[in-house]
Amino acid sequence: MSDLSIREFCYIIQKEAKEDSNGDESATDSSIDVIAVDKKAWDYLENYAYSSDKDDRFIRPSNYRGKKALQVVNFVGVITIPDEIHLEILPKTCEGDQKNSDVRKLLVKMLVEVDELPFIQSTEADVEIFNKPLPDVLITLFLKQLADLVRKGIRKDYERIEAEERFLKGRLLVSQQISQPVSRRHLFRIAYDVFSENRAENRLIHSALIQVAKWSKSEANQKTARELRFAFNEIPTSTDYKTDFSLWRKSRDMISYKPLLYWVKLILNQQSPFSVKGASEGISFLFPMETLFERYVAKILEKNIAKGYEVKKQIKGQYLSDPPKAFLLKPDIALYKDGHVKSILDTKWKLIDQNAQYENGNEDTKAGISQGDMYQMFAYGHKYLAGQGKLVLIYPQWDKFKTEKQFVLSNDLYLDVVPFDLNNPSISANSILERFKGIY
């Protein structure tokens, strides 16, 4: 496998375009903002770009410097494309250059927090792994989790064996014994239980371990995978993933296996909360960055909320028109107290510029905020707060947005637009929640 890295909203072009660039080498030089692929990979990605399937919306047709191009949108993760290429799509956290290892670390940190991929556990000691492309980062974390399971001990279970033996053991299978031909009646048809590691969970894990060993380019990962294979030498691989997944037990005695279930589904079936269907063979999963940001912010707020308050996600119940009930309003986050909505908070994964200016040089009082976002918050305020109270609109913090901005939407309705520091999330969460203390 080879690896290509790109970030949200950047471009993919065909390598052939270089021949028509009139000596402009920069037209096809690969970078975090534009990469070149051969025709086979291009055709594969172009099919996604023109697909009508909503699950394929991570890429769209576009142009780059007057040339035909594809643009990845606000999805991040990794997808395997033809010619054994892992295409890594990273979050866009600034306009200029960004360090891939830092962004990978941030991405994994967010995934850990929102429990979308609860199998991922990392510490500061793991910093060096983020210098690898995302597929090997994931494989490293999987192998660490699996090594932890092996240290704790692989679970055994009773396996029913049906056999033909010279001695009687376990239970005699009477009907089968009666139908034995005369030449074999000296043998007993019996069934007995053996306490064995051959159980559905271990078969699936063994299959996943073999698969990641094929995908990984890291020598360290290959070495770890070989070492772990010894623990599974006596366990066959799964021949029926669907059946074995249905047999995966989630009882208390299997708690050490719980994190690996998500991993194994991802590796064997490419099943994740935001997966891409039809990806080429290899580890592939993509998810919308705005959804991850929304869930991450909500999770951090939950962890820092004062006693007596409650954070709820994606609440429903109010419509823009009523009657007739039409145009459902579903804000990202609601702050409750005593069972009543006290504030509405909404997240937007956009890089806004608080010092934006018009072409004539005058200050843009919108601060880079879209009019649609403001209309949405205005509707939330009137429908969920009856036109009174405080709303919060949350954008990611970056170099050009570090200071919150206030807007008065009506006499009793106010909107705070705040930056959320992904590197110091608890500080941002407490800053957001502080404004509600003692008000209600």
Protein backbone atom coordinates (compact mmCIF):
# COMPACT_ATOMS: atom_id res chain seq x y z
CA MET A 1 0.00 0.00 0.00
CA SER A 2 1.14 3.56 -0.75
CA ASP A 3 -0.24 6.62 0.99
CA LEU A 4 -1.51 9.97 -0.21
CA SER A 5 -2.59 12.76 2.13
CA ILE A 6 -4.93 15.63 1.44
CA ARG A 7 -7.16 17.81 3.57
CA GLU A 8 -10.79 18.86 3.41
CA PHE A 9 -11.92 21.01 0.49
CA CYS A 10 -8.74 20.39 -1.50
CA TYR A 11 -8.22 18.91 -4.95
CA ILE A 12 -7.39 15.70 -6.76
CA ILE A 13 -6.20 15.86 -10.38
CA GLN A 14 -5.02 13.35 -12.98
CA LYS A 15 -1.29 12.86 -13.41
CA GLU A 16 -1.78 13.21 -17.16
CA ALA A 17 -2.62 16.87 -16.62
CA LYS A 18 1.10 17.51 -16.12
CA GLU A 19 1.71 16.96 -19.84
CA ASP A 20 -0.54 19.92 -20.64
CA SER A 21 0.75 22.25 -17.97
CA ASN A 22 3.09 24.16 -20.36
CA GLY A 23 5.99 23.76 -18.02
CA ASP A 24 4.03 24.86 -14.96
CA GLU A 25 5.24 22.12 -12.63
CA SER A 26 3.17 23.51 -9.76
CA ALA A 27 0.04 22.58 -11.68
CA THR A 28 0.41 18.98 -10.58
CA ASP A 29 2.84 19.03 -7.68
CA SER A 30 1.37 17.00 -4.83
CA SER A 31 0.78 18.81 -1.56
CA ILE A 32 -1.75 18.83 1.26
CA ASP A 33 -4.00 20.96 -1.00
CA VAL A 34 -3.67 19.14 -4.33
CA ILE A 35 -2.59 15.61 -5.23
CA ALA A 36 -2.22 13.86 -8.58
CA VAL A 37 -3.38 10.27 -9.21
CA ASP A 38 -3.22 8.01 -12.24
CA LYS A 39 -6.21 7.35 -14.50
CA LYS A 40 -7.32 4.14 -12.76
CA ALA A 41 -7.56 5.84 -9.37
CA TRP A 42 -9.08 8.94 -10.96
CA ASP A 43 -11.86 6.95 -12.65
CA TYR A 44 -12.60 5.17 -9.39
CA LEU A 45 -12.94 8.44 -7.44
CA GLU A 46 -14.85 10.13 -10.25
CA ASN A 47 -17.55 7.45 -9.96
CA TYR A 48 -18.06 8.52 -6.36
CA ALA A 49 -18.14 12.19 -7.37
CA TYR A 50 -20.99 11.62 -9.82
CA SER A 51 -22.86 9.12 -7.64
CA SER A 52 -26.37 9.98 -6.49
CA ASP A 53 -25.95 7.89 -3.34
CA LYS A 54 -25.91 10.14 -0.28
CA ASP A 55 -23.21 7.92 1.28
CA ASP A 56 -20.81 8.87 -1.51
CA ARG A 57 -20.92 12.61 -0.94
CA PHE A 58 -17.35 12.99 0.30
CA ILE A 59 -16.12 14.14 -3.12
CA ARG A 60 -17.50 16.28 -5.95
CA PRO A 61 -16.54 17.38 -9.49
CA SER A 62 -14.61 20.64 -9.64
CA ASN A 63 -11.72 22.34 -11.42
CA TYR A 64 -8.21 23.36 -10.44
CA ARG A 65 -6.35 26.07 -12.35
CA GLY A 66 -8.66 25.58 -15.31
CA LYS A 67 -8.20 21.81 -15.32
CA LYS A 68 -10.76 19.14 -14.53
CA ALA A 69 -10.47 18.14 -10.88
CA LEU A 70 -12.24 16.45 -7.99
CA GLN A 71 -12.67 18.19 -4.65
CA VAL A 72 -12.94 16.37 -1.35
CA VAL A 73 -15.48 18.08 0.88
CA ASN A 74 -16.02 18.03 4.63
CA PHE A 75 -15.35 14.34 5.19
CA VAL A 76 -12.22 13.04 6.92
CA GLY A 77 -10.71 9.61 7.36
CA VAL A 78 -9.19 7.17 4.90
CA ILE A 79 -10.38 5.38 1.79
CA THR A 80 -8.52 2.71 -0.14
CA ILE A 81 -8.46 3.27 -3.90
CA PRO A 82 -7.11 1.14 -6.80
CA ASP A 83 -3.40 0.38 -7.17
CA GLU A 84 -3.21 -0.19 -3.42
CA ILE A 85 -3.34 3.46 -2.43
CA HIS A 86 -4.60 4.72 0.90
CA LEU A 87 -6.08 8.20 0.44
CA GLU A 88 -5.94 9.98 3.79
CA ILE A 89 -8.24 13.00 4.22
CA LEU A 90 -7.40 15.19 7.20
CA PRO A 91 -9.38 18.03 8.84
CA LYS A 92 -8.60 21.54 7.65
CA THR A 93 -7.68 23.49 10.78
CA CYS A 94 -6.02 26.51 9.15
CA GLU A 95 -5.60 28.16 5.76
CA GLY A 96 -1.84 27.72 5.50
CA ASP A 97 0.39 24.72 6.07
CA GLN A 98 -0.52 22.32 8.84
CA LYS A 99 1.51 19.52 10.39
CA ASN A 100 -0.11 16.21 9.48
CA SER A 101 1.02 14.46 12.67
CA ASP A 102 -0.63 17.15 14.82
CA VAL A 103 -3.88 16.93 12.86
CA ARG A 104 -3.95 13.12 13.08
CA LYS A 105 -3.46 13.37 16.83
CA LEU A 106 -6.31 15.88 17.08
CA LEU A 107 -8.57 13.70 14.95
CA VAL A 108 -7.98 10.60 17.08
CA LYS A 109 -8.48 12.67 20.25
CA MET A 110 -11.90 13.77 19.01
CA LEU A 111 -12.90 10.24 18.00
CA VAL A 112 -11.91 8.93 21.42
CA GLU A 113 -14.05 11.54 23.16
CA VAL A 114 -17.25 11.11 21.18
CA ASP A 115 -17.20 7.31 21.47
CA GLU A 116 -17.81 6.87 17.77
CA LEU A 117 -14.71 4.70 17.74
CA PRO A 118 -14.44 3.86 21.45
CA PHE A 119 -11.74 1.29 20.74
CA ILE A 120 -9.17 4.02 20.20
CA GLN A 121 -7.16 4.76 23.32
CA SER A 122 -4.01 6.84 23.21
CA THR A 123 -1.72 8.64 25.60
CA GLU A 124 0.94 11.29 25.32
CA ALA A 125 3.45 8.44 25.01
CA ASP A 126 1.87 7.57 21.67
CA VAL A 127 2.83 10.85 19.98
CA GLU A 128 5.36 9.19 17.67
CA ILE A 129 2.70 6.99 16.04
CA PHE A 130 0.99 10.04 14.56
CA ASN A 131 3.92 10.58 12.21
CA LYS A 132 2.58 7.59 10.28
CA PRO A 133 -0.29 7.90 7.76
CA LEU A 134 -3.74 7.39 9.25
CA PRO A 135 -4.14 3.70 8.20
CA ASP A 136 -1.00 2.70 10.11
CA VAL A 137 -2.03 4.92 13.03
CA LEU A 138 -5.27 2.95 13.26
CA ILE A 139 -3.51 -0.38 12.83
CA THR A 140 -1.01 0.52 15.57
CA LEU A 141 -3.82 1.38 17.96
CA PHE A 142 -5.69 -1.83 17.09
CA LEU A 143 -2.61 -3.94 17.74
CA LYS A 144 -2.02 -2.22 21.07
CA GLN A 145 -5.59 -2.95 22.08
CA LEU A 146 -5.24 -6.57 20.97
CA ALA A 147 -1.92 -6.96 22.83
CA ASP A 148 -3.69 -5.75 25.96
CA LEU A 149 -6.36 -8.43 25.49
CA VAL A 150 -3.75 -11.15 25.03
CA ARG A 151 -2.02 -10.06 28.24
CA LYS A 152 -5.32 -10.30 30.12
CA GLY A 153 -5.98 -13.71 28.60
CA ILE A 154 -7.94 -15.01 25.63
CA ARG A 155 -11.34 -16.23 26.71
CA LYS A 156 -12.31 -19.85 26.26
CA ASP A 157 -15.72 -21.44 25.93
CA TYR A 158 -17.17 -24.91 25.67
CA GLU A 159 -17.14 -26.11 22.09
CA ARG A 160 -19.47 -28.97 21.11
CA ILE A 161 -17.56 -31.71 19.29
CA GLU A 162 -19.30 -34.50 17.39
CA ALA A 163 -17.00 -37.39 16.62
CA GLU A 164 -16.67 -41.10 15.94
CA GLU A 165 -14.48 -42.73 18.57
CA ARG A 166 -13.47 -46.19 19.81
CA PHE A 167 -14.48 -45.26 23.35
CA LEU A 168 -17.61 -43.77 24.88
CA LYS A 169 -17.22 -40.19 26.01
CA GLY A 170 -19.79 -37.52 26.69
CA ARG A 171 -23.19 -38.27 25.17
CA LEU A 172 -23.99 -41.10 22.79
CA LEU A 173 -25.79 -39.92 19.65
CA VAL A 174 -28.32 -42.75 19.65
CA SER A 175 -30.04 -42.12 16.31
CA GLN A 176 -26.72 -41.78 14.50
CA GLN A 177 -25.32 -44.84 16.28
CA ILE A 178 -28.29 -46.97 15.20
CA SER A 179 -27.84 -45.93 11.58
CA GLN A 180 -24.14 -46.83 11.61
CA PRO A 181 -23.25 -49.45 8.96
CA VAL A 182 -22.29 -52.87 10.34
CA SER A 183 -18.66 -52.33 9.46
CA ARG A 184 -18.51 -49.30 11.78
CA ARG A 185 -20.63 -50.37 14.71
CA HIS A 186 -17.54 -50.93 16.80
CA LEU A 187 -17.17 -47.08 16.79
CA PHE A 188 -19.26 -44.79 18.94
CA ARG A 189 -20.99 -41.69 17.51
CA ILE A 190 -20.63 -39.27 20.42
CA ALA A 191 -20.90 -35.58 21.32
CA TYR A 192 -18.85 -33.93 24.03
CA ASP A 193 -17.78 -30.45 25.09
CA VAL A 194 -14.21 -29.17 25.00
CA PHE A 195 -13.10 -26.02 26.83
CA SER A 196 -11.51 -24.27 23.86
CA GLU A 197 -10.38 -20.88 22.52
CA ASN A 198 -12.22 -21.67 19.29
CA ARG A 199 -15.12 -19.28 19.71
CA ALA A 200 -16.68 -16.66 17.42
CA GLU A 201 -14.93 -13.66 18.95
CA ASN A 202 -11.47 -15.20 18.64
CA ARG A 203 -12.07 -16.43 15.09
CA LEU A 204 -13.05 -12.92 14.00
CA ILE A 205 -10.10 -11.31 15.78
CA HIS A 206 -7.72 -13.80 14.15
CA SER A 207 -9.16 -12.92 10.73
CA ALA A 208 -8.77 -9.20 11.43
CA LEU A 209 -5.19 -9.70 12.59
CA ILE A 210 -4.26 -11.44 9.35
CA GLN A 211 -5.90 -8.65 7.35
CA VAL A 212 -4.09 -5.75 9.04
CA ALA A 213 -0.78 -7.57 8.63
CA LYS A 214 -1.39 -7.41 4.87
CA TRP A 215 -2.32 -3.72 4.93
CA SER A 216 0.37 -2.31 7.18
CA LYS A 217 3.60 -0.89 5.76
CA SER A 218 5.13 -0.33 9.20
CA GLU A 219 7.86 -2.79 10.18
CA ALA A 220 6.94 -2.32 13.84
CA ASN A 221 3.31 -3.20 13.11
CA GLN A 222 4.34 -6.23 11.07
CA LYS A 223 6.53 -7.45 13.94
CA THR A 224 3.76 -6.94 16.52
CA ALA A 225 1.23 -8.70 14.29
CA ARG A 226 3.55 -11.72 13.90
CA GLU A 227 4.04 -11.92 17.67
CA LEU A 228 0.29 -11.77 18.31
CA ARG A 229 -0.39 -14.45 15.69
CA PHE A 230 1.29 -16.98 18.00
CA ALA A 231 -1.50 -16.46 20.54
CA PHE A 232 -4.06 -17.38 17.86
CA ASN A 233 -2.21 -20.28 16.21
CA GLU A 234 -4.66 -22.89 17.52
CA ILE A 235 -7.72 -20.81 16.61
CA PRO A 236 -9.14 -21.05 13.07
CA THR A 237 -10.12 -17.92 11.17
CA SER A 238 -13.78 -17.08 10.65
CA THR A 239 -15.45 -18.56 7.58
CA ASP A 240 -18.77 -16.76 8.15
CA TYR A 241 -18.39 -13.19 9.43
CA LYS A 242 -22.10 -12.49 9.67
CA THR A 243 -22.84 -15.55 11.81
CA ASP A 244 -19.81 -15.06 14.02
CA PHE A 245 -20.68 -11.40 14.63
CA SER A 246 -24.15 -12.50 15.72
CA LEU A 247 -22.51 -14.88 18.22
CA TRP A 248 -20.23 -12.20 19.70
CA ARG A 249 -21.14 -12.13 23.40
CA LYS A 250 -21.34 -8.86 25.32
CA SER A 251 -21.74 -10.27 28.82
CA ARG A 252 -19.82 -9.03 31.85
CA ASP A 253 -17.17 -11.76 31.54
CA MET A 254 -16.40 -10.51 28.00
CA ILE A 255 -15.83 -6.86 28.95
CA SER A 256 -12.19 -7.00 27.80
CA TYR A 257 -13.41 -7.87 24.30
CA LYS A 258 -15.82 -4.95 24.00
CA PRO A 259 -13.38 -2.40 22.48
CA LEU A 260 -12.23 -4.90 19.85
CA LEU A 261 -15.72 -5.45 18.43
CA TYR A 262 -15.69 -2.03 16.78
CA TRP A 263 -12.20 -2.60 15.42
CA VAL A 264 -13.03 -5.99 13.96
CA LYS A 265 -16.18 -4.66 12.28
CA LEU A 266 -14.15 -1.86 10.74
CA ILE A 267 -11.39 -4.16 9.51
CA LEU A 268 -13.48 -7.07 8.22
CA ASN A 269 -16.58 -5.28 7.00
CA GLN A 270 -15.43 -1.68 6.78
CA GLN A 271 -18.34 -0.93 9.12
CA SER A 272 -18.01 2.29 11.08
CA PRO A 273 -20.56 4.93 12.07
CA PHE A 274 -19.73 6.88 8.91
CA SER A 275 -18.50 4.35 6.39
CA VAL A 276 -18.19 4.54 2.64
CA LYS A 277 -19.74 1.69 0.70
CA GLY A 278 -17.97 -0.03 -2.15
CA ALA A 279 -14.46 1.01 -1.22
CA SER A 280 -11.61 -0.99 -2.72
CA GLU A 281 -10.20 -3.77 -0.60
CA GLY A 282 -8.48 -2.22 2.38
CA ILE A 283 -9.22 -0.26 5.51
CA SER A 284 -11.70 2.46 4.54
CA PHE A 285 -13.85 4.73 6.63
CA LEU A 286 -14.89 8.34 6.24
CA PHE A 287 -17.15 10.53 8.34
CA PRO A 288 -18.49 14.10 8.09
CA MET A 289 -16.33 16.51 10.03
CA GLU A 290 -19.27 18.72 11.01
CA THR A 291 -20.91 15.74 12.74
CA LEU A 292 -17.72 14.86 14.59
CA PHE A 293 -17.26 18.49 15.69
CA GLU A 294 -20.87 18.71 16.89
CA ARG A 295 -20.63 15.50 18.93
CA TYR A 296 -17.22 16.42 20.29
CA VAL A 297 -18.38 19.81 21.55
CA ALA A 298 -21.50 18.25 23.09
CA LYS A 299 -19.41 15.62 24.85
CA ILE A 300 -17.01 18.18 26.32
CA LEU A 301 -19.93 20.32 27.49
CA GLU A 302 -21.48 17.27 29.17
CA LYS A 303 -18.25 16.62 31.05
CA ASN A 304 -18.07 20.20 32.32
CA ILE A 305 -21.75 21.00 32.92
CA ALA A 306 -22.76 22.22 36.40
CA LYS A 307 -24.97 20.05 38.58
CA GLY A 308 -28.65 20.57 37.83
CA TYR A 309 -28.08 21.26 34.15
CA GLU A 310 -28.30 18.78 31.29
CA VAL A 311 -26.95 18.73 27.74
CA LYS A 312 -29.15 17.15 25.06
CA LYS A 313 -28.27 16.60 21.40
CA GLN A 314 -30.40 16.94 18.28
CA ILE A 315 -33.64 17.82 20.08
CA LYS A 316 -36.88 18.03 18.08
CA GLY A 317 -40.39 19.31 18.57
CA GLN A 318 -40.50 22.76 17.04
CA TYR A 319 -41.32 23.66 13.45
CA LEU A 320 -40.73 26.81 11.47
CA SER A 321 -44.38 26.63 10.42
CA ASP A 322 -47.06 25.49 12.86
CA PRO A 323 -49.75 25.09 11.60
CA PRO A 324 -49.24 23.34 9.32
CA LYS A 325 -46.31 21.56 10.93
CA ALA A 326 -43.53 21.94 8.40
CA PHE A 327 -39.78 22.58 8.34
CA LEU A 328 -38.61 20.77 11.48
CA LEU A 329 -36.07 22.69 13.55
CA LYS A 330 -33.41 20.42 15.07
CA PRO A 331 -30.61 22.30 16.85
CA ASP A 332 -27.34 20.52 17.60
CA ILE A 333 -27.30 21.07 21.36
CA ALA A 334 -29.81 22.21 23.98
CA LEU A 335 -29.06 23.23 27.55
CA TYR A 336 -31.75 22.09 29.98
CA LYS A 337 -32.51 22.85 33.61
CA ASP A 338 -35.39 21.29 35.56
CA GLY A 339 -36.65 19.70 32.36
CA HIS A 340 -36.93 23.00 30.46
CA VAL A 341 -34.85 24.33 27.57
CA LYS A 342 -32.72 27.21 28.81
CA SER A 343 -30.49 27.79 25.80
CA ILE A 344 -29.79 26.55 22.30
CA LEU A 345 -26.24 25.98 21.10
CA ASP A 346 -25.29 25.16 17.53
CA THR A 347 -21.95 24.13 16.03
CA LYS A 348 -20.52 24.91 12.60
CA TRP A 349 -17.35 23.34 11.23
CA LYS A 350 -16.20 26.43 9.32
CA LEU A 351 -13.13 28.65 9.53
CA ILE A 352 -14.53 32.16 9.93
CA ASP A 353 -12.49 35.38 9.88
CA GLN A 354 -13.42 37.80 12.67
CA ASN A 355 -11.46 40.56 10.90
CA ALA A 356 -13.04 40.04 7.49
CA GLN A 357 -13.33 43.14 5.32
CA TYR A 358 -15.32 44.16 2.30
CA GLU A 359 -13.56 44.84 -0.99
CA ASN A 360 -13.58 48.58 -0.22
CA GLY A 361 -11.61 47.93 2.97
CA ASN A 362 -14.47 48.52 5.41
CA GLU A 363 -15.06 46.05 8.23
CA ASP A 364 -17.42 43.20 7.47
CA THR A 365 -19.76 43.32 10.48
CA LYS A 366 -20.84 39.76 9.73
CA ALA A 367 -17.35 38.63 10.78
CA GLY A 368 -17.41 35.95 8.12
CA ILE A 369 -20.58 34.35 9.52
CA SER A 370 -23.04 33.22 6.88
CA GLN A 371 -26.46 34.78 6.77
CA GLY A 372 -27.99 31.31 6.68
CA ASP A 373 -26.39 30.44 10.03
CA MET A 374 -27.84 33.61 11.57
CA TYR A 375 -31.33 32.96 10.21
CA GLN A 376 -31.15 29.45 11.64
CA MET A 377 -30.21 30.73 15.11
CA PHE A 378 -32.93 33.39 14.94
CA ALA A 379 -35.52 30.69 14.24
CA TYR A 380 -34.21 28.53 17.10
CA GLY A 381 -34.42 31.47 19.49
CA HIS A 382 -38.02 32.27 18.68
CA LYS A 383 -39.28 28.70 18.53
CA TYR A 384 -37.38 27.10 21.42
CA LEU A 385 -36.81 30.12 23.69
CA ALA A 386 -39.95 32.13 22.82
CA GLY A 387 -37.76 35.03 21.70
CA GLN A 388 -36.05 35.48 25.08
CA GLY A 389 -32.64 34.38 26.28
CA LYS A 390 -29.19 33.65 24.96
CA LEU A 391 -28.10 31.54 22.02
CA VAL A 392 -24.57 30.32 21.33
CA LEU A 393 -23.09 29.67 17.89
CA ILE A 394 -19.81 27.71 18.06
CA TYR A 395 -17.06 27.67 15.41
CA PRO A 396 -13.60 26.08 15.66
CA GLN A 397 -10.90 28.42 16.93
CA TRP A 398 -8.01 29.23 14.63
CA ASP A 399 -5.61 32.10 13.94
CA LYS A 400 -8.32 34.39 12.53
CA PHE A 401 -11.03 33.62 15.05
CA LYS A 402 -10.03 33.78 18.71
CA THR A 403 -12.41 36.35 20.20
CA GLU A 404 -16.14 35.85 20.70
CA LYS A 405 -18.61 38.25 19.14
CA GLN A 406 -22.07 39.27 20.37
CA PHE A 407 -25.18 40.04 18.30
CA VAL A 408 -28.54 41.42 19.46
CA LEU A 409 -31.28 39.61 17.52
CA SER A 410 -34.20 41.35 19.28
CA ASN A 411 -34.91 43.20 22.52
CA ASP A 412 -34.64 40.04 24.63
CA LEU A 413 -32.78 37.63 22.37
CA TYR A 414 -28.99 37.59 22.18
CA LEU A 415 -26.48 35.52 20.25
CA ASP A 416 -22.88 34.86 21.26
CA VAL A 417 -20.58 33.59 18.51
CA VAL A 418 -17.69 31.82 20.22
CA PRO A 419 -14.45 30.07 19.21
CA PHE A 420 -13.91 26.52 20.44
CA ASP A 421 -10.26 25.63 21.09
CA LEU A 422 -9.82 22.01 20.03
CA ASN A 423 -6.47 21.84 21.81
CA ASN A 424 -7.93 23.08 25.11
CA PRO A 425 -11.55 21.92 24.91
CA SER A 426 -12.40 22.06 28.62
CA ILE A 427 -11.34 25.71 28.82
CA SER A 428 -13.63 26.55 25.90
CA ALA A 429 -16.49 24.49 27.36
CA ASN A 430 -16.25 26.24 30.73
CA SER A 431 -16.13 29.61 29.00
CA ILE A 432 -19.36 28.77 27.17
CA LEU A 433 -21.13 27.43 30.24
CA GLU A 434 -19.97 30.24 32.53
CA ARG A 435 -22.36 32.69 30.86
CA PHE A 436 -25.36 30.67 32.08
CA LYS A 437 -24.41 30.41 35.76
CA GLY A 438 -26.86 32.23 38.00
CA ILE A 439 -28.97 33.45 35.08
CA TYR A 440 -31.67 30.81 35.31
